[in-house]
Amino acid sequence: HVSVFGTWAQVDCGSSPACRFGDLIVDAEFKLDGQLRCVSPPEKDGEGSISHVLVSISLNGLDFAEDVLPFTYFPDIFITKVVPAHGSVSGNTLVKIYGENLESREIQCRFGQSALSPYSYYDATSGALVCVSPSVLNVTNSEIYVSDAGGSWQATKKRFRFERE
């Protein structure tokens, strides 16, 4: 989802707002909190590589603003393995996540529904995303999620077990 904030959101309810990604136009909707929200269309070239387009908005679906914002498409992340698969409930375990399309991105890790990794980085030498496990209160088996640059969280279908020392 792409959200644009502004005071212009108090527009007539009969209007048909839209967003333009490059030359692809998608419908948008006004939200009560002053957002104009639209869903980015699939990448036009569909090459699975990083690509950049400019985004502009229209409050009526016809006249697009001359002000544009940069938008970057990233290829999907595919996770193949997690090493180690367990660590202490105290946290601070260096967890290496291997897969495709992890480089050149600001990726965050989350363990379960709420335990955000305090630190993560891409290690070019090993080709892995390295996440520091957070501390948790109880022994648990948590699914690992990844998110790039504040995007939505993607389940990896890989688990990490927090154990007592």
N, C-alpha and C. Protein backbone atom coordinates (compact mmCIF):
# COMPACT_ATOMS: atom_id res chain seq x y z
N HIS A 1 0.83 -1.18 0.00
CA HIS A 1 0.00 0.00 0.00
C HIS A 1 0.87 1.24 0.00
N VAL A 2 0.43 2.23 -0.73
CA VAL A 2 1.10 3.52 -0.74
C VAL A 2 0.12 4.52 -0.15
N SER A 3 0.55 5.29 0.83
CA SER A 3 -0.30 6.29 1.46
C SER A 3 0.31 7.67 1.28
N VAL A 4 -0.52 8.63 0.93
CA VAL A 4 -0.10 10.02 0.79
C VAL A 4 -0.96 10.83 1.74
N PHE A 5 -0.32 11.67 2.55
CA PHE A 5 -1.05 12.48 3.53
C PHE A 5 -1.18 13.91 3.02
N GLY A 6 -2.31 14.53 3.33
CA GLY A 6 -2.50 15.92 2.95
C GLY A 6 -3.82 16.46 3.44
N THR A 7 -3.94 17.78 3.41
CA THR A 7 -5.19 18.41 3.82
C THR A 7 -6.23 18.37 2.71
N TRP A 8 -5.83 18.03 1.51
CA TRP A 8 -6.72 17.94 0.36
C TRP A 8 -7.68 16.77 0.45
N ALA A 9 -7.52 15.91 1.42
CA ALA A 9 -8.35 14.70 1.50
C ALA A 9 -9.81 15.00 1.83
N GLN A 10 -10.14 16.24 2.12
CA GLN A 10 -11.53 16.59 2.39
C GLN A 10 -12.23 16.95 1.08
N VAL A 11 -12.12 16.09 0.10
CA VAL A 11 -12.66 16.33 -1.24
C VAL A 11 -14.04 15.69 -1.34
N ASP A 12 -14.83 16.16 -2.26
CA ASP A 12 -16.17 15.63 -2.50
C ASP A 12 -16.14 14.11 -2.60
N CYS A 13 -17.06 13.45 -1.90
CA CYS A 13 -17.10 11.99 -1.87
C CYS A 13 -17.37 11.37 -3.23
N GLY A 14 -17.88 12.16 -4.18
CA GLY A 14 -18.17 11.62 -5.51
C GLY A 14 -16.95 11.58 -6.41
N SER A 15 -15.81 12.06 -5.93
CA SER A 15 -14.61 12.08 -6.77
C SER A 15 -14.02 10.67 -6.89
N SER A 16 -13.19 10.48 -7.91
CA SER A 16 -12.55 9.19 -8.16
C SER A 16 -11.05 9.36 -8.13
N PRO A 17 -10.44 9.34 -6.95
CA PRO A 17 -8.99 9.55 -6.86
C PRO A 17 -8.22 8.38 -7.49
N ALA A 18 -6.99 8.67 -7.90
CA ALA A 18 -6.16 7.64 -8.53
C ALA A 18 -4.69 7.93 -8.25
N CYS A 19 -3.86 6.90 -8.42
CA CYS A 19 -2.41 7.02 -8.35
C CYS A 19 -1.84 6.52 -9.67
N ARG A 20 -0.78 7.16 -10.13
CA ARG A 20 -0.10 6.73 -11.36
C ARG A 20 1.32 6.32 -11.00
N PHE A 21 1.65 5.05 -11.29
CA PHE A 21 2.98 4.49 -11.08
C PHE A 21 3.62 4.37 -12.45
N GLY A 22 4.52 5.31 -12.77
CA GLY A 22 5.04 5.34 -14.14
C GLY A 22 3.88 5.69 -15.06
N ASP A 23 3.50 4.77 -15.94
CA ASP A 23 2.33 5.03 -16.79
C ASP A 23 1.15 4.11 -16.46
N LEU A 24 1.23 3.40 -15.33
CA LEU A 24 0.13 2.54 -14.89
C LEU A 24 -0.73 3.28 -13.87
N ILE A 25 -2.03 3.32 -14.10
CA ILE A 25 -2.96 4.04 -13.22
C ILE A 25 -3.79 3.04 -12.43
N VAL A 26 -3.90 3.28 -11.11
CA VAL A 26 -4.72 2.44 -10.24
C VAL A 26 -5.65 3.33 -9.43
N ASP A 27 -6.78 2.76 -9.02
CA ASP A 27 -7.73 3.50 -8.18
C ASP A 27 -7.12 3.74 -6.81
N ALA A 28 -7.57 4.81 -6.19
CA ALA A 28 -7.15 5.15 -4.82
C ALA A 28 -8.40 5.41 -4.01
N GLU A 29 -8.22 5.51 -2.70
CA GLU A 29 -9.36 5.82 -1.84
C GLU A 29 -8.94 6.80 -0.76
N PHE A 30 -9.89 7.65 -0.37
CA PHE A 30 -9.65 8.58 0.72
C PHE A 30 -9.94 7.87 2.02
N LYS A 31 -9.10 8.10 3.02
CA LYS A 31 -9.31 7.55 4.37
C LYS A 31 -9.69 8.69 5.31
N LEU A 32 -10.35 8.35 6.40
CA LEU A 32 -10.83 9.35 7.34
C LEU A 32 -9.71 10.16 7.99
N ASP A 33 -8.51 9.57 8.09
CA ASP A 33 -7.41 10.26 8.77
C ASP A 33 -6.60 11.18 7.85
N GLY A 34 -7.12 11.48 6.66
CA GLY A 34 -6.43 12.40 5.76
C GLY A 34 -5.50 11.73 4.77
N GLN A 35 -5.56 10.41 4.66
CA GLN A 35 -4.70 9.70 3.72
C GLN A 35 -5.41 9.48 2.39
N LEU A 36 -4.64 9.46 1.36
CA LEU A 36 -5.08 8.94 0.07
C LEU A 36 -4.30 7.65 -0.08
N ARG A 37 -4.97 6.52 -0.21
CA ARG A 37 -4.28 5.23 -0.22
C ARG A 37 -4.55 4.49 -1.52
N CYS A 38 -3.49 3.91 -2.08
CA CYS A 38 -3.61 3.08 -3.27
C CYS A 38 -2.66 1.89 -3.15
N VAL A 39 -2.96 0.85 -3.91
CA VAL A 39 -2.12 -0.35 -3.93
C VAL A 39 -1.29 -0.31 -5.20
N SER A 40 0.02 -0.47 -5.04
CA SER A 40 0.89 -0.43 -6.21
C SER A 40 0.56 -1.58 -7.14
N PRO A 41 0.53 -1.32 -8.44
CA PRO A 41 0.27 -2.40 -9.40
C PRO A 41 1.51 -3.29 -9.52
N PRO A 42 1.36 -4.48 -10.08
CA PRO A 42 2.55 -5.31 -10.31
C PRO A 42 3.55 -4.55 -11.17
N GLU A 43 4.81 -4.86 -10.98
CA GLU A 43 5.86 -4.22 -11.76
C GLU A 43 5.58 -4.41 -13.24
N LYS A 44 5.66 -3.35 -14.02
CA LYS A 44 5.32 -3.40 -15.43
C LYS A 44 6.16 -4.41 -16.21
N ASP A 45 7.47 -4.38 -15.99
CA ASP A 45 8.36 -5.28 -16.73
C ASP A 45 8.36 -6.68 -16.14
N GLY A 46 8.01 -6.79 -14.86
CA GLY A 46 7.94 -8.10 -14.22
C GLY A 46 9.23 -8.88 -14.23
N GLU A 47 10.37 -8.19 -14.28
CA GLU A 47 11.66 -8.87 -14.39
C GLU A 47 12.17 -9.44 -13.07
N GLY A 48 11.57 -9.03 -11.96
CA GLY A 48 12.05 -9.52 -10.67
C GLY A 48 13.33 -8.84 -10.22
N SER A 49 13.62 -7.66 -10.76
CA SER A 49 14.80 -6.93 -10.34
C SER A 49 14.34 -5.60 -9.75
N ILE A 50 15.25 -4.90 -9.10
CA ILE A 50 14.92 -3.60 -8.53
C ILE A 50 14.66 -2.62 -9.67
N SER A 51 13.53 -1.90 -9.58
CA SER A 51 13.23 -0.88 -10.59
C SER A 51 12.57 0.31 -9.91
N HIS A 52 12.69 1.46 -10.55
CA HIS A 52 12.20 2.70 -9.99
C HIS A 52 11.19 3.34 -10.94
N VAL A 53 10.12 3.89 -10.37
CA VAL A 53 9.14 4.66 -11.14
C VAL A 53 8.79 5.91 -10.34
N LEU A 54 8.09 6.83 -10.99
CA LEU A 54 7.60 8.01 -10.31
C LEU A 54 6.11 7.84 -10.07
N VAL A 55 5.64 8.29 -8.89
CA VAL A 55 4.23 8.19 -8.53
C VAL A 55 3.64 9.59 -8.48
N SER A 56 2.48 9.75 -9.08
CA SER A 56 1.75 11.00 -8.96
C SER A 56 0.31 10.67 -8.59
N ILE A 57 -0.40 11.67 -8.06
CA ILE A 57 -1.77 11.43 -7.61
C ILE A 57 -2.74 12.34 -8.34
N SER A 58 -3.99 11.88 -8.39
CA SER A 58 -5.07 12.66 -8.97
C SER A 58 -6.26 12.58 -8.03
N LEU A 59 -6.88 13.70 -7.78
CA LEU A 59 -8.05 13.71 -6.91
C LEU A 59 -9.33 13.39 -7.67
N ASN A 60 -9.25 13.48 -9.02
CA ASN A 60 -10.45 13.19 -9.82
C ASN A 60 -10.25 12.06 -10.82
N GLY A 61 -9.11 11.42 -10.82
CA GLY A 61 -8.83 10.31 -11.74
C GLY A 61 -8.42 10.75 -13.13
N LEU A 62 -8.36 12.05 -13.36
CA LEU A 62 -8.02 12.57 -14.69
C LEU A 62 -6.80 13.49 -14.68
N ASP A 63 -6.82 14.46 -13.77
CA ASP A 63 -5.76 15.46 -13.71
C ASP A 63 -4.75 15.07 -12.64
N PHE A 64 -3.54 14.72 -13.08
CA PHE A 64 -2.51 14.26 -12.13
C PHE A 64 -1.60 15.41 -11.72
N ALA A 65 -1.23 15.41 -10.45
CA ALA A 65 -0.36 16.45 -9.91
C ALA A 65 0.99 16.42 -10.60
N GLU A 66 1.59 17.59 -10.73
CA GLU A 66 2.92 17.65 -11.33
C GLU A 66 4.00 17.23 -10.34
N ASP A 67 3.68 17.31 -9.04
CA ASP A 67 4.60 16.83 -8.02
C ASP A 67 4.61 15.31 -8.06
N VAL A 68 5.78 14.72 -8.13
CA VAL A 68 5.89 13.27 -8.19
C VAL A 68 6.76 12.77 -7.05
N LEU A 69 6.55 11.53 -6.67
CA LEU A 69 7.33 10.89 -5.61
C LEU A 69 8.01 9.66 -6.17
N PRO A 70 9.25 9.38 -5.76
CA PRO A 70 9.91 8.15 -6.24
C PRO A 70 9.32 6.92 -5.55
N PHE A 71 9.25 5.83 -6.29
CA PHE A 71 8.76 4.56 -5.76
C PHE A 71 9.67 3.46 -6.30
N THR A 72 10.05 2.53 -5.44
CA THR A 72 10.96 1.46 -5.85
C THR A 72 10.28 0.11 -5.72
N TYR A 73 10.35 -0.68 -6.78
CA TYR A 73 9.89 -2.06 -6.77
C TYR A 73 11.07 -2.95 -6.39
N PHE A 74 10.84 -3.87 -5.47
CA PHE A 74 11.86 -4.85 -5.09
C PHE A 74 11.35 -6.24 -5.45
N PRO A 75 12.25 -7.13 -5.87
CA PRO A 75 11.81 -8.51 -6.13
C PRO A 75 11.41 -9.19 -4.83
N ASP A 76 10.56 -10.19 -4.92
CA ASP A 76 10.12 -10.93 -3.74
C ASP A 76 11.31 -11.59 -3.04
N ILE A 77 11.21 -11.72 -1.73
CA ILE A 77 12.23 -12.38 -0.92
C ILE A 77 11.85 -13.85 -0.78
N PHE A 78 12.80 -14.73 -0.99
CA PHE A 78 12.60 -16.17 -0.79
C PHE A 78 13.63 -16.66 0.21
N ILE A 79 13.16 -17.23 1.31
CA ILE A 79 14.04 -17.71 2.37
C ILE A 79 14.21 -19.22 2.23
N THR A 80 15.47 -19.69 2.28
CA THR A 80 15.73 -21.12 2.12
C THR A 80 16.12 -21.81 3.42
N LYS A 81 16.85 -21.10 4.31
CA LYS A 81 17.19 -21.72 5.60
C LYS A 81 17.57 -20.67 6.63
N VAL A 82 17.48 -21.09 7.90
CA VAL A 82 17.81 -20.24 9.03
C VAL A 82 18.80 -21.01 9.92
N VAL A 83 19.93 -20.36 10.26
CA VAL A 83 20.96 -21.02 11.06
C VAL A 83 21.42 -20.07 12.16
N PRO A 84 21.42 -20.44 13.42
CA PRO A 84 20.88 -21.68 13.97
C PRO A 84 19.36 -21.59 14.06
N ALA A 85 18.73 -22.71 14.32
CA ALA A 85 17.27 -22.76 14.41
C ALA A 85 16.78 -22.57 15.84
N HIS A 86 17.71 -22.34 16.77
CA HIS A 86 17.31 -22.13 18.17
C HIS A 86 18.35 -21.26 18.88
N GLY A 87 17.91 -20.67 19.99
CA GLY A 87 18.79 -19.82 20.79
C GLY A 87 18.15 -19.52 22.13
N SER A 88 18.81 -18.73 22.92
CA SER A 88 18.39 -18.44 24.29
C SER A 88 17.22 -17.46 24.35
N VAL A 89 16.37 -17.64 25.38
CA VAL A 89 15.30 -16.67 25.63
C VAL A 89 15.89 -15.31 26.01
N SER A 90 17.15 -15.28 26.41
CA SER A 90 17.83 -14.02 26.75
C SER A 90 18.14 -13.17 25.52
N GLY A 91 18.05 -13.80 24.33
CA GLY A 91 18.31 -13.07 23.09
C GLY A 91 19.78 -13.03 22.74
N ASN A 92 20.14 -12.13 21.83
CA ASN A 92 21.51 -11.89 21.36
C ASN A 92 22.13 -13.05 20.59
N THR A 93 21.31 -13.94 20.03
CA THR A 93 21.82 -14.98 19.14
C THR A 93 21.91 -14.40 17.74
N LEU A 94 23.07 -14.56 17.07
CA LEU A 94 23.19 -14.12 15.69
C LEU A 94 22.55 -15.18 14.80
N VAL A 95 21.45 -14.83 14.17
CA VAL A 95 20.69 -15.75 13.33
C VAL A 95 20.93 -15.38 11.87
N LYS A 96 21.45 -16.33 11.09
CA LYS A 96 21.71 -16.08 9.66
C LYS A 96 20.54 -16.63 8.86
N ILE A 97 19.98 -15.76 8.02
CA ILE A 97 18.85 -16.12 7.18
C ILE A 97 19.34 -16.12 5.74
N TYR A 98 19.27 -17.28 5.10
CA TYR A 98 19.73 -17.43 3.73
C TYR A 98 18.54 -17.46 2.77
N GLY A 99 18.76 -16.94 1.57
CA GLY A 99 17.70 -16.96 0.58
C GLY A 99 18.06 -16.10 -0.61
N GLU A 100 17.03 -15.70 -1.35
CA GLU A 100 17.21 -14.90 -2.56
C GLU A 100 16.69 -13.48 -2.34
N ASN A 101 17.33 -12.53 -2.98
CA ASN A 101 16.91 -11.12 -2.99
C ASN A 101 17.00 -10.45 -1.63
N LEU A 102 18.02 -10.80 -0.87
CA LEU A 102 18.24 -10.20 0.44
C LEU A 102 19.20 -9.01 0.37
N GLU A 103 20.04 -8.96 -0.64
CA GLU A 103 21.04 -7.91 -0.75
C GLU A 103 20.40 -6.61 -1.24
N SER A 104 21.09 -5.53 -1.02
CA SER A 104 20.69 -4.20 -1.48
C SER A 104 19.35 -3.76 -0.93
N ARG A 105 19.04 -4.18 0.29
CA ARG A 105 17.77 -3.81 0.89
C ARG A 105 17.96 -3.53 2.37
N GLU A 106 17.08 -2.72 2.90
CA GLU A 106 17.06 -2.46 4.33
C GLU A 106 16.02 -3.40 4.93
N ILE A 107 16.45 -4.60 5.29
CA ILE A 107 15.51 -5.61 5.75
C ILE A 107 15.54 -5.70 7.27
N GLN A 108 14.36 -5.82 7.85
CA GLN A 108 14.23 -6.02 9.29
C GLN A 108 13.72 -7.44 9.52
N CYS A 109 13.97 -7.95 10.72
CA CYS A 109 13.51 -9.29 11.10
C CYS A 109 12.58 -9.17 12.31
N ARG A 110 11.65 -10.08 12.36
CA ARG A 110 10.75 -10.16 13.51
C ARG A 110 10.58 -11.63 13.86
N PHE A 111 10.58 -11.94 15.13
CA PHE A 111 10.41 -13.31 15.61
C PHE A 111 9.02 -13.41 16.22
N GLY A 112 8.13 -14.14 15.57
CA GLY A 112 6.75 -14.22 16.04
C GLY A 112 5.99 -12.95 15.68
N GLN A 113 4.89 -12.72 16.39
CA GLN A 113 4.02 -11.60 16.05
C GLN A 113 4.51 -10.24 16.53
N SER A 114 5.42 -10.22 17.52
CA SER A 114 5.77 -8.90 18.06
C SER A 114 7.23 -8.69 18.44
N ALA A 115 8.05 -9.72 18.44
CA ALA A 115 9.43 -9.59 18.91
C ALA A 115 10.35 -9.14 17.76
N LEU A 116 10.54 -7.84 17.66
CA LEU A 116 11.37 -7.26 16.61
C LEU A 116 12.85 -7.43 16.94
N SER A 117 13.62 -7.82 15.92
CA SER A 117 15.07 -7.93 16.12
C SER A 117 15.63 -6.55 16.40
N PRO A 118 16.48 -6.42 17.44
CA PRO A 118 17.05 -5.11 17.75
C PRO A 118 18.06 -4.63 16.71
N TYR A 119 18.56 -5.56 15.87
CA TYR A 119 19.58 -5.19 14.90
C TYR A 119 19.64 -6.23 13.80
N SER A 120 19.74 -5.79 12.55
CA SER A 120 19.90 -6.72 11.43
C SER A 120 20.72 -6.05 10.34
N TYR A 121 21.44 -6.87 9.56
CA TYR A 121 22.26 -6.36 8.46
C TYR A 121 22.50 -7.48 7.45
N TYR A 122 22.86 -7.10 6.24
CA TYR A 122 23.18 -8.07 5.20
C TYR A 122 24.68 -8.31 5.22
N ASP A 123 25.10 -9.58 5.33
CA ASP A 123 26.50 -9.95 5.34
C ASP A 123 26.87 -10.46 3.95
N ALA A 124 27.55 -9.64 3.16
CA ALA A 124 27.89 -10.00 1.79
C ALA A 124 28.82 -11.20 1.72
N THR A 125 29.66 -11.40 2.73
CA THR A 125 30.60 -12.52 2.73
C THR A 125 29.87 -13.86 2.76
N SER A 126 28.88 -13.97 3.63
CA SER A 126 28.13 -15.23 3.75
C SER A 126 26.89 -15.26 2.86
N GLY A 127 26.49 -14.09 2.35
CA GLY A 127 25.28 -14.02 1.53
C GLY A 127 24.02 -14.18 2.37
N ALA A 128 24.09 -13.81 3.64
CA ALA A 128 22.95 -14.01 4.54
C ALA A 128 22.53 -12.69 5.18
N LEU A 129 21.27 -12.64 5.52
CA LEU A 129 20.75 -11.58 6.36
C LEU A 129 21.01 -12.02 7.79
N VAL A 130 21.66 -11.19 8.57
CA VAL A 130 21.99 -11.53 9.96
C VAL A 130 21.08 -10.72 10.87
N CYS A 131 20.36 -11.43 11.72
CA CYS A 131 19.46 -10.78 12.68
C CYS A 131 19.86 -11.20 14.09
N VAL A 132 19.80 -10.26 15.00
CA VAL A 132 20.06 -10.56 16.41
C VAL A 132 18.71 -10.91 17.03
N SER A 133 18.64 -12.08 17.66
CA SER A 133 17.37 -12.48 18.27
C SER A 133 17.07 -11.59 19.47
N PRO A 134 15.81 -11.22 19.64
CA PRO A 134 15.43 -10.41 20.81
C PRO A 134 15.28 -11.29 22.04
N SER A 135 15.17 -10.69 23.18
CA SER A 135 14.87 -11.47 24.39
C SER A 135 13.36 -11.67 24.45
N VAL A 136 12.95 -12.83 24.96
CA VAL A 136 11.53 -13.14 25.13
C VAL A 136 11.33 -13.69 26.54
N LEU A 137 10.10 -13.68 27.01
CA LEU A 137 9.82 -14.12 28.38
C LEU A 137 9.78 -15.64 28.53
N ASN A 138 9.25 -16.33 27.52
CA ASN A 138 9.01 -17.77 27.66
C ASN A 138 9.64 -18.56 26.53
N VAL A 139 9.82 -19.84 26.79
CA VAL A 139 10.24 -20.77 25.74
C VAL A 139 9.14 -20.76 24.69
N THR A 140 9.52 -20.58 23.45
CA THR A 140 8.52 -20.53 22.37
C THR A 140 9.17 -20.91 21.05
N ASN A 141 8.35 -21.31 20.11
CA ASN A 141 8.77 -21.65 18.76
C ASN A 141 8.15 -20.61 17.84
N SER A 142 8.92 -19.63 17.38
CA SER A 142 8.40 -18.47 16.66
C SER A 142 8.72 -18.51 15.18
N GLU A 143 7.73 -18.15 14.38
CA GLU A 143 7.99 -17.99 12.94
C GLU A 143 8.78 -16.71 12.74
N ILE A 144 9.69 -16.72 11.77
CA ILE A 144 10.49 -15.54 11.46
C ILE A 144 9.82 -14.80 10.30
N TYR A 145 9.71 -13.48 10.45
CA TYR A 145 9.14 -12.61 9.42
C TYR A 145 10.22 -11.63 8.98
N VAL A 146 10.14 -11.18 7.74
CA VAL A 146 11.05 -10.16 7.23
C VAL A 146 10.24 -9.03 6.61
N SER A 147 10.80 -7.83 6.64
CA SER A 147 10.15 -6.67 6.05
C SER A 147 11.23 -5.79 5.44
N ASP A 148 10.99 -5.28 4.26
CA ASP A 148 11.99 -4.41 3.64
C ASP A 148 11.56 -2.95 3.72
N ALA A 149 12.43 -2.16 4.36
CA ALA A 149 12.28 -0.71 4.46
C ALA A 149 10.88 -0.29 4.90
N GLY A 150 10.38 -0.94 5.92
CA GLY A 150 9.08 -0.54 6.46
C GLY A 150 7.89 -1.05 5.69
N GLY A 151 8.11 -1.96 4.75
CA GLY A 151 6.99 -2.54 4.02
C GLY A 151 6.22 -3.51 4.89
N SER A 152 5.34 -4.25 4.30
CA SER A 152 4.56 -5.22 5.07
C SER A 152 5.44 -6.41 5.46
N TRP A 153 5.06 -7.08 6.53
CA TRP A 153 5.82 -8.23 7.03
C TRP A 153 5.48 -9.46 6.21
N GLN A 154 6.50 -10.20 5.81
CA GLN A 154 6.35 -11.42 5.02
C GLN A 154 6.79 -12.61 5.86
N ALA A 155 5.90 -13.60 5.98
CA ALA A 155 6.24 -14.83 6.71
C ALA A 155 7.27 -15.61 5.90
N THR A 156 8.29 -16.15 6.58
CA THR A 156 9.34 -16.90 5.88
C THR A 156 9.07 -18.41 5.88
N LYS A 157 8.12 -18.86 6.68
CA LYS A 157 7.83 -20.30 6.87
C LYS A 157 9.00 -21.02 7.52
N LYS A 158 9.88 -20.25 8.16
CA LYS A 158 11.00 -20.80 8.93
C LYS A 158 10.79 -20.41 10.39
N ARG A 159 11.18 -21.30 11.30
CA ARG A 159 10.93 -21.08 12.71
C ARG A 159 12.24 -21.01 13.50
N PHE A 160 12.16 -20.32 14.63
CA PHE A 160 13.29 -20.20 15.55
C PHE A 160 12.77 -20.53 16.94
N ARG A 161 13.46 -21.43 17.62
CA ARG A 161 13.02 -21.85 18.95
C ARG A 161 13.82 -21.13 20.03
N PHE A 162 13.12 -20.42 20.90
CA PHE A 162 13.73 -19.78 22.07
C PHE A 162 13.73 -20.80 23.20
N GLU A 163 14.91 -21.06 23.78
CA GLU A 163 15.06 -22.06 24.83
C GLU A 163 15.70 -21.46 26.08
N ARG A 164 15.46 -22.11 27.23
CA ARG A 164 16.14 -21.71 28.46
C ARG A 164 17.59 -22.15 28.38
N GLU A 165 18.46 -21.41 28.99
CA GLU A 165 19.90 -21.73 28.95
C GLU A 165 20.24 -22.90 29.84
